[in-house]
PDB file of all heavy atoms in Angstrom:
ATOM      1  N   PRO A   1       0.853  -1.228  -0.001  1.00  0.00           N
ATOM      2  CA  PRO A   1      -0.007  -0.011  -0.002  1.00  0.00           C
ATOM      3  C   PRO A   1       0.856   1.247  -0.003  1.00  0.00           C
ATOM      4  O   PRO A   1       1.839   1.381   0.735  1.00  0.00           O
ATOM      5  CB  PRO A   1      -0.804  -0.119   1.270  1.00  0.00           C
ATOM      6  CG  PRO A   1      -0.709  -1.499   1.745  1.00  0.00           C
ATOM      7  CD  PRO A   1       0.540  -2.052   1.180  1.00  0.00           C
ATOM      8  N   ARG A   2       0.470   2.242  -0.863  1.00  0.00           N
ATOM      9  CA  ARG A   2       1.135   3.553  -0.890  1.00  0.00           C
ATOM     10  C   ARG A   2       0.362   4.531   0.016  1.00  0.00           C
ATOM     11  O   ARG A   2       0.912   5.193   0.789  1.00  0.00           O
ATOM     12  CB  ARG A   2       1.212   4.085  -2.305  1.00  0.00           C
ATOM     13  CG  ARG A   2       2.143   3.314  -3.186  1.00  0.00           C
ATOM     14  CD  ARG A   2       2.252   3.969  -4.574  1.00  0.00           C
ATOM     15  NE  ARG A   2       0.943   4.461  -4.994  1.00  0.00           N
ATOM     16  CZ  ARG A   2       0.777   5.275  -5.994  1.00  0.00           C
ATOM     17  NH1 ARG A   2       1.737   5.667  -6.702  1.00  0.00           N
ATOM     18  NH2 ARG A   2      -0.437   5.666  -6.387  1.00  0.00           N
ATOM     19  N   TYR A   3      -0.972   4.539  -0.248  1.00  0.00           N
ATOM     20  CA  TYR A   3      -1.827   5.368   0.624  1.00  0.00           C
ATOM     21  C   TYR A   3      -3.241   4.793   0.543  1.00  0.00           C
ATOM     22  O   TYR A   3      -3.633   4.096  -0.280  1.00  0.00           O
ATOM     23  CB  TYR A   3      -1.792   6.889   0.225  1.00  0.00           C
ATOM     24  CG  TYR A   3      -2.388   7.237  -1.077  1.00  0.00           C
ATOM     25  CD1 TYR A   3      -3.667   7.631  -1.140  1.00  0.00           C
ATOM     26  CD2 TYR A   3      -1.647   7.270  -2.275  1.00  0.00           C
ATOM     27  CE1 TYR A   3      -4.283   8.031  -2.366  1.00  0.00           C
ATOM     28  CE2 TYR A   3      -2.183   7.633  -3.446  1.00  0.00           C
ATOM     29  CZ  TYR A   3      -3.482   8.016  -3.512  1.00  0.00           C
ATOM     30  OH  TYR A   3      -4.075   8.386  -4.729  1.00  0.00           O
ATOM     31  N   ARG A   4      -3.997   5.241   1.642  1.00  0.00           N
ATOM     32  CA  ARG A   4      -5.413   4.847   1.770  1.00  0.00           C
ATOM     33  C   ARG A   4      -6.208   6.086   2.071  1.00  0.00           C
ATOM     34  O   ARG A   4      -5.769   6.915   2.858  1.00  0.00           O
ATOM     35  CB  ARG A   4      -5.555   3.808   2.822  1.00  0.00           C
ATOM     36  CG  ARG A   4      -6.987   3.373   3.067  1.00  0.00           C
ATOM     37  CD  ARG A   4      -7.040   2.250   4.053  1.00  0.00           C
ATOM     38  NE  ARG A   4      -6.471   1.057   3.473  1.00  0.00           N
ATOM     39  CZ  ARG A   4      -5.657   0.195   4.079  1.00  0.00           C
ATOM     40  NH1 ARG A   4      -5.390   0.364   5.336  1.00  0.00           N
ATOM     41  NH2 ARG A   4      -5.181  -0.828   3.413  1.00  0.00           N
ATOM     42  N   ILE A   5      -7.382   6.198   1.506  1.00  0.00           N
ATOM     43  CA  ILE A   5      -8.292   7.257   1.804  1.00  0.00           C
ATOM     44  C   ILE A   5      -9.628   6.660   2.182  1.00  0.00           C
ATOM     45  O   ILE A   5     -10.197   5.850   1.503  1.00  0.00           O
ATOM     46  CB  ILE A   5      -8.503   8.226   0.587  1.00  0.00           C
ATOM     47  CG1 ILE A   5      -7.173   8.877   0.201  1.00  0.00           C
ATOM     48  CG2 ILE A   5      -9.525   9.287   0.935  1.00  0.00           C
ATOM     49  CD1 ILE A   5      -7.267   9.714  -1.014  1.00  0.00           C
ATOM     50  N   LYS A   6     -10.157   7.148   3.321  1.00  0.00           N
ATOM     51  CA  LYS A   6     -11.495   6.784   3.766  1.00  0.00           C
ATOM     52  C   LYS A   6     -12.303   8.042   3.838  1.00  0.00           C
ATOM     53  O   LYS A   6     -11.860   9.034   4.380  1.00  0.00           O
ATOM     54  CB  LYS A   6     -11.426   6.089   5.150  1.00  0.00           C
ATOM     55  CG  LYS A   6     -12.739   5.603   5.661  1.00  0.00           C
ATOM     56  CD  LYS A   6     -12.553   4.920   7.048  1.00  0.00           C
ATOM     57  CE  LYS A   6     -13.886   4.505   7.538  1.00  0.00           C
ATOM     58  NZ  LYS A   6     -13.710   3.917   8.887  1.00  0.00           N
ATOM     59  N   ALA A   7     -13.497   8.020   3.229  1.00  0.00           N
ATOM     60  CA  ALA A   7     -14.351   9.222   3.247  1.00  0.00           C
ATOM     61  C   ALA A   7     -15.818   8.797   3.183  1.00  0.00           C
ATOM     62  O   ALA A   7     -16.154   7.780   2.584  1.00  0.00           O
ATOM     63  CB  ALA A   7     -14.014  10.083   1.995  1.00  0.00           C
ATOM     64  N   PRO A   8     -16.690   9.620   3.740  1.00  0.00           N
ATOM     65  CA  PRO A   8     -18.140   9.298   3.673  1.00  0.00           C
ATOM     66  C   PRO A   8     -18.703   9.478   2.311  1.00  0.00           C
ATOM     67  O   PRO A   8     -19.735   8.889   1.984  1.00  0.00           O
ATOM     68  CB  PRO A   8     -18.739  10.265   4.704  1.00  0.00           C
ATOM     69  CG  PRO A   8     -17.721  11.286   4.989  1.00  0.00           C
ATOM     70  CD  PRO A   8     -16.403  10.771   4.631  1.00  0.00           C
ATOM     71  N   ARG A   9     -18.059  10.298   1.396  1.00  0.00           N
ATOM     72  CA  ARG A   9     -18.640  10.521   0.084  1.00  0.00           C
ATOM     73  C   ARG A   9     -17.528  10.866  -0.897  1.00  0.00           C
ATOM     74  O   ARG A   9     -16.578  11.556  -0.570  1.00  0.00           O
ATOM     75  CB  ARG A   9     -19.650  11.694   0.142  1.00  0.00           C
ATOM     76  CG  ARG A   9     -20.325  11.989  -1.124  1.00  0.00           C
ATOM     77  CD  ARG A   9     -21.693  12.483  -0.906  1.00  0.00           C
ATOM     78  NE  ARG A   9     -22.357  12.932  -2.081  1.00  0.00           N
ATOM     79  CZ  ARG A   9     -23.003  12.122  -2.945  1.00  0.00           C
ATOM     80  NH1 ARG A   9     -23.045  10.862  -2.762  1.00  0.00           N
ATOM     81  NH2 ARG A   9     -23.585  12.629  -4.060  1.00  0.00           N
ATOM     82  N   MET A  10     -17.684  10.330  -2.138  1.00  0.00           N
ATOM     83  CA  MET A  10     -16.737  10.614  -3.216  1.00  0.00           C
ATOM     84  C   MET A  10     -17.516  10.872  -4.469  1.00  0.00           C
ATOM     85  O   MET A  10     -18.551  10.161  -4.737  1.00  0.00           O
ATOM     86  CB  MET A  10     -15.827   9.430  -3.450  1.00  0.00           C
ATOM     87  CG  MET A  10     -14.811   9.680  -4.565  1.00  0.00           C
ATOM     88  SD  MET A  10     -13.870   8.159  -5.002  1.00  0.00           S
ATOM     89  CE  MET A  10     -14.778   7.572  -6.355  1.00  0.00           C
ATOM     90  N   MET A  11     -17.094  11.885  -5.265  1.00  0.00           N
ATOM     91  CA  MET A  11     -17.714  12.181  -6.552  1.00  0.00           C
ATOM     92  C   MET A  11     -16.671  12.218  -7.626  1.00  0.00           C
ATOM     93  O   MET A  11     -15.578  12.800  -7.400  1.00  0.00           O
ATOM     94  CB  MET A  11     -18.467  13.537  -6.469  1.00  0.00           C
ATOM     95  CG  MET A  11     -19.544  13.568  -5.496  1.00  0.00           C
ATOM     96  SD  MET A  11     -20.087  15.242  -5.071  1.00  0.00           S
ATOM     97  CE  MET A  11     -18.726  15.778  -4.118  1.00  0.00           C
ATOM     98  N   HIS A  12     -16.959  11.590  -8.727  1.00  0.00           N
ATOM     99  CA  HIS A  12     -16.037  11.581  -9.873  1.00  0.00           C
ATOM    100  C   HIS A  12     -16.444  12.587 -10.912  1.00  0.00           C
ATOM    101  O   HIS A  12     -17.630  12.672 -11.298  1.00  0.00           O
ATOM    102  CB  HIS A  12     -15.969  10.199 -10.487  1.00  0.00           C
ATOM    103  CG  HIS A  12     -15.045  10.117 -11.635  1.00  0.00           C
ATOM    104  ND1 HIS A  12     -15.476  10.236 -12.936  1.00  0.00           N
ATOM    105  CD2 HIS A  12     -13.715   9.963 -11.699  1.00  0.00           C
ATOM    106  CE1 HIS A  12     -14.457  10.160 -13.745  1.00  0.00           C
ATOM    107  NE2 HIS A  12     -13.362  10.018 -12.994  1.00  0.00           N
ATOM    108  N   PHE A  13     -15.471  13.327 -11.499  1.00  0.00           N
ATOM    109  CA  PHE A  13     -15.771  14.306 -12.480  1.00  0.00           C
ATOM    110  C   PHE A  13     -15.112  13.912 -13.783  1.00  0.00           C
ATOM    111  O   PHE A  13     -13.840  13.814 -13.864  1.00  0.00           O
ATOM    112  CB  PHE A  13     -15.291  15.707 -12.053  1.00  0.00           C
ATOM    113  CG  PHE A  13     -16.113  16.254 -10.878  1.00  0.00           C
ATOM    114  CD1 PHE A  13     -15.772  15.897  -9.631  1.00  0.00           C
ATOM    115  CD2 PHE A  13     -17.184  17.038 -11.155  1.00  0.00           C
ATOM    116  CE1 PHE A  13     -16.562  16.322  -8.553  1.00  0.00           C
ATOM    117  CE2 PHE A  13     -17.984  17.522 -10.091  1.00  0.00           C
ATOM    118  CZ  PHE A  13     -17.652  17.168  -8.761  1.00  0.00           C
ATOM    119  N   PRO A  14     -15.882  13.676 -14.857  1.00  0.00           N
ATOM    120  CA  PRO A  14     -15.267  13.146 -16.108  1.00  0.00           C
ATOM    121  C   PRO A  14     -14.456  14.170 -16.885  1.00  0.00           C
ATOM    122  O   PRO A  14     -13.564  13.810 -17.653  1.00  0.00           O
ATOM    123  CB  PRO A  14     -16.487  12.746 -16.898  1.00  0.00           C
ATOM    124  CG  PRO A  14     -17.569  13.605 -16.405  1.00  0.00           C
ATOM    125  CD  PRO A  14     -17.301  13.810 -14.910  1.00  0.00           C
ATOM    126  N   ALA A  15     -14.666  15.457 -16.672  1.00  0.00           N
ATOM    127  CA  ALA A  15     -13.956  16.475 -17.442  1.00  0.00           C
ATOM    128  C   ALA A  15     -12.444  16.350 -17.271  1.00  0.00           C
ATOM    129  O   ALA A  15     -11.703  16.411 -18.272  1.00  0.00           O
ATOM    130  CB  ALA A  15     -14.369  17.888 -17.022  1.00  0.00           C
ATOM    131  N   ASP A  16     -11.975  16.094 -16.073  1.00  0.00           N
ATOM    132  CA  ASP A  16     -10.514  15.945 -15.835  1.00  0.00           C
ATOM    133  C   ASP A  16     -10.189  14.630 -15.154  1.00  0.00           C
ATOM    134  O   ASP A  16      -9.085  14.400 -14.757  1.00  0.00           O
ATOM    135  CB  ASP A  16      -9.980  17.105 -15.039  1.00  0.00           C
ATOM    136  CG  ASP A  16     -10.582  17.218 -13.659  1.00  0.00           C
ATOM    137  OD1 ASP A  16     -11.504  16.454 -13.305  1.00  0.00           O
ATOM    138  OD2 ASP A  16     -10.182  18.137 -12.859  1.00  0.00           O
ATOM    139  N   ASP A  17     -11.164  13.744 -15.088  1.00  0.00           N
ATOM    140  CA  ASP A  17     -11.034  12.445 -14.569  1.00  0.00           C
ATOM    141  C   ASP A  17     -10.522  12.478 -13.073  1.00  0.00           C
ATOM    142  O   ASP A  17      -9.752  11.616 -12.609  1.00  0.00           O
ATOM    143  CB  ASP A  17     -10.105  11.563 -15.390  1.00  0.00           C
ATOM    144  CG  ASP A  17     -10.250  10.050 -15.098  1.00  0.00           C
ATOM    145  OD1 ASP A  17     -11.314   9.642 -14.574  1.00  0.00           O
ATOM    146  OD2 ASP A  17      -9.307   9.319 -15.412  1.00  0.00           O
ATOM    147  N   SER A  18     -10.953  13.487 -12.313  1.00  0.00           N
ATOM    148  CA  SER A  18     -10.500  13.615 -10.959  1.00  0.00           C
ATOM    149  C   SER A  18     -11.688  13.197 -10.044  1.00  0.00           C
ATOM    150  O   SER A  18     -12.844  13.075 -10.481  1.00  0.00           O
ATOM    151  CB  SER A  18     -10.087  15.089 -10.628  1.00  0.00           C
ATOM    152  OG  SER A  18     -11.256  15.957 -10.729  1.00  0.00           O
ATOM    153  N   SER A  19     -11.400  13.014  -8.747  1.00  0.00           N
ATOM    154  CA  SER A  19     -12.393  12.723  -7.770  1.00  0.00           C
ATOM    155  C   SER A  19     -12.304  13.660  -6.589  1.00  0.00           C
ATOM    156  O   SER A  19     -11.142  13.976  -6.188  1.00  0.00           O
ATOM    157  CB  SER A  19     -12.218  11.292  -7.275  1.00  0.00           C
ATOM    158  OG  SER A  19     -12.393  10.419  -8.351  1.00  0.00           O
ATOM    159  N   TRP A  20     -13.424  14.058  -6.074  1.00  0.00           N
ATOM    160  CA  TRP A  20     -13.493  14.914  -4.878  1.00  0.00           C
ATOM    161  C   TRP A  20     -14.035  14.028  -3.742  1.00  0.00           C
ATOM    162  O   TRP A  20     -14.978  13.281  -3.973  1.00  0.00           O
ATOM    163  CB  TRP A  20     -14.398  16.107  -5.077  1.00  0.00           C
ATOM    164  CG  TRP A  20     -13.747  17.214  -5.792  1.00  0.00           C
ATOM    165  CD1 TRP A  20     -13.750  17.510  -7.152  1.00  0.00           C
ATOM    166  CD2 TRP A  20     -12.895  18.252  -5.153  1.00  0.00           C
ATOM    167  NE1 TRP A  20     -13.007  18.643  -7.370  1.00  0.00           N
ATOM    168  CE2 TRP A  20     -12.502  19.068  -6.208  1.00  0.00           C
ATOM    169  CE3 TRP A  20     -12.535  18.498  -3.869  1.00  0.00           C
ATOM    170  CZ2 TRP A  20     -11.633  20.222  -5.976  1.00  0.00           C
ATOM    171  CZ3 TRP A  20     -11.706  19.618  -3.656  1.00  0.00           C
ATOM    172  CH2 TRP A  20     -11.300  20.442  -4.658  1.00  0.00           C
ATOM    173  N   LEU A  21     -13.395  14.114  -2.605  1.00  0.00           N
ATOM    174  CA  LEU A  21     -13.820  13.373  -1.434  1.00  0.00           C
ATOM    175  C   LEU A  21     -14.204  14.349  -0.296  1.00  0.00           C
ATOM    176  O   LEU A  21     -13.513  15.365  -0.142  1.00  0.00           O
ATOM    177  CB  LEU A  21     -12.736  12.447  -0.927  1.00  0.00           C
ATOM    178  CG  LEU A  21     -12.363  11.364  -1.965  1.00  0.00           C
ATOM    179  CD1 LEU A  21     -11.038  11.694  -2.593  1.00  0.00           C
ATOM    180  CD2 LEU A  21     -12.385  10.044  -1.332  1.00  0.00           C
ATOM    181  N   ILE A  22     -15.238  14.025   0.376  1.00  0.00           N
ATOM    182  CA  ILE A  22     -15.762  14.897   1.479  1.00  0.00           C
ATOM    183  C   ILE A  22     -15.194  14.274   2.799  1.00  0.00           C
ATOM    184  O   ILE A  22     -15.285  13.024   3.051  1.00  0.00           O
ATOM    185  CB  ILE A  22     -17.284  14.885   1.502  1.00  0.00           C
ATOM    186  CG1 ILE A  22     -17.845  15.342   0.159  1.00  0.00           C
ATOM    187  CG2 ILE A  22     -17.793  15.809   2.666  1.00  0.00           C
ATOM    188  CD1 ILE A  22     -17.388  16.715  -0.290  1.00  0.00           C
ATOM    189  N   SER A  23     -14.689  15.124   3.672  1.00  0.00           N
ATOM    190  CA  SER A  23     -14.122  14.728   5.023  1.00  0.00           C
ATOM    191  C   SER A  23     -13.189  13.504   4.913  1.00  0.00           C
ATOM    192  O   SER A  23     -13.394  12.532   5.631  1.00  0.00           O
ATOM    193  CB  SER A  23     -15.291  14.411   5.976  1.00  0.00           C
ATOM    194  OG  SER A  23     -16.072  15.550   6.132  1.00  0.00           O
ATOM    195  N   PRO A  24     -12.136  13.604   4.079  1.00  0.00           N
ATOM    196  CA  PRO A  24     -11.291  12.469   3.935  1.00  0.00           C
ATOM    197  C   PRO A  24     -10.313  12.258   5.132  1.00  0.00           C
ATOM    198  O   PRO A  24      -9.959  13.193   5.795  1.00  0.00           O
ATOM    199  CB  PRO A  24     -10.476  12.800   2.697  1.00  0.00           C
ATOM    200  CG  PRO A  24     -10.367  14.265   2.750  1.00  0.00           C
ATOM    201  CD  PRO A  24     -11.754  14.736   3.277  1.00  0.00           C
ATOM    202  N   HIS A  25     -10.053  11.047   5.414  1.00  0.00           N
ATOM    203  CA  HIS A  25      -9.052  10.601   6.360  1.00  0.00           C
ATOM    204  C   HIS A  25      -8.019   9.838   5.478  1.00  0.00           C
ATOM    205  O   HIS A  25      -8.334   8.801   4.872  1.00  0.00           O
ATOM    206  CB  HIS A  25      -9.653   9.698   7.427  1.00  0.00           C
ATOM    207  CG  HIS A  25      -8.670   9.378   8.534  1.00  0.00           C
ATOM    208  ND1 HIS A  25      -9.088   8.749   9.654  1.00  0.00           N
ATOM    209  CD2 HIS A  25      -7.388   9.579   8.705  1.00  0.00           C
ATOM    210  CE1 HIS A  25      -8.053   8.553  10.450  1.00  0.00           C
ATOM    211  NE2 HIS A  25      -7.000   9.067   9.887  1.00  0.00           N
TER     212      HIS A  25
END
């Protein structure tokens, strides 16, 4: 493992293929 993210919500945006996470740990 390099890194792990835990979040209550994730949204993916196709325009730049990025993801936004809310309250990430």
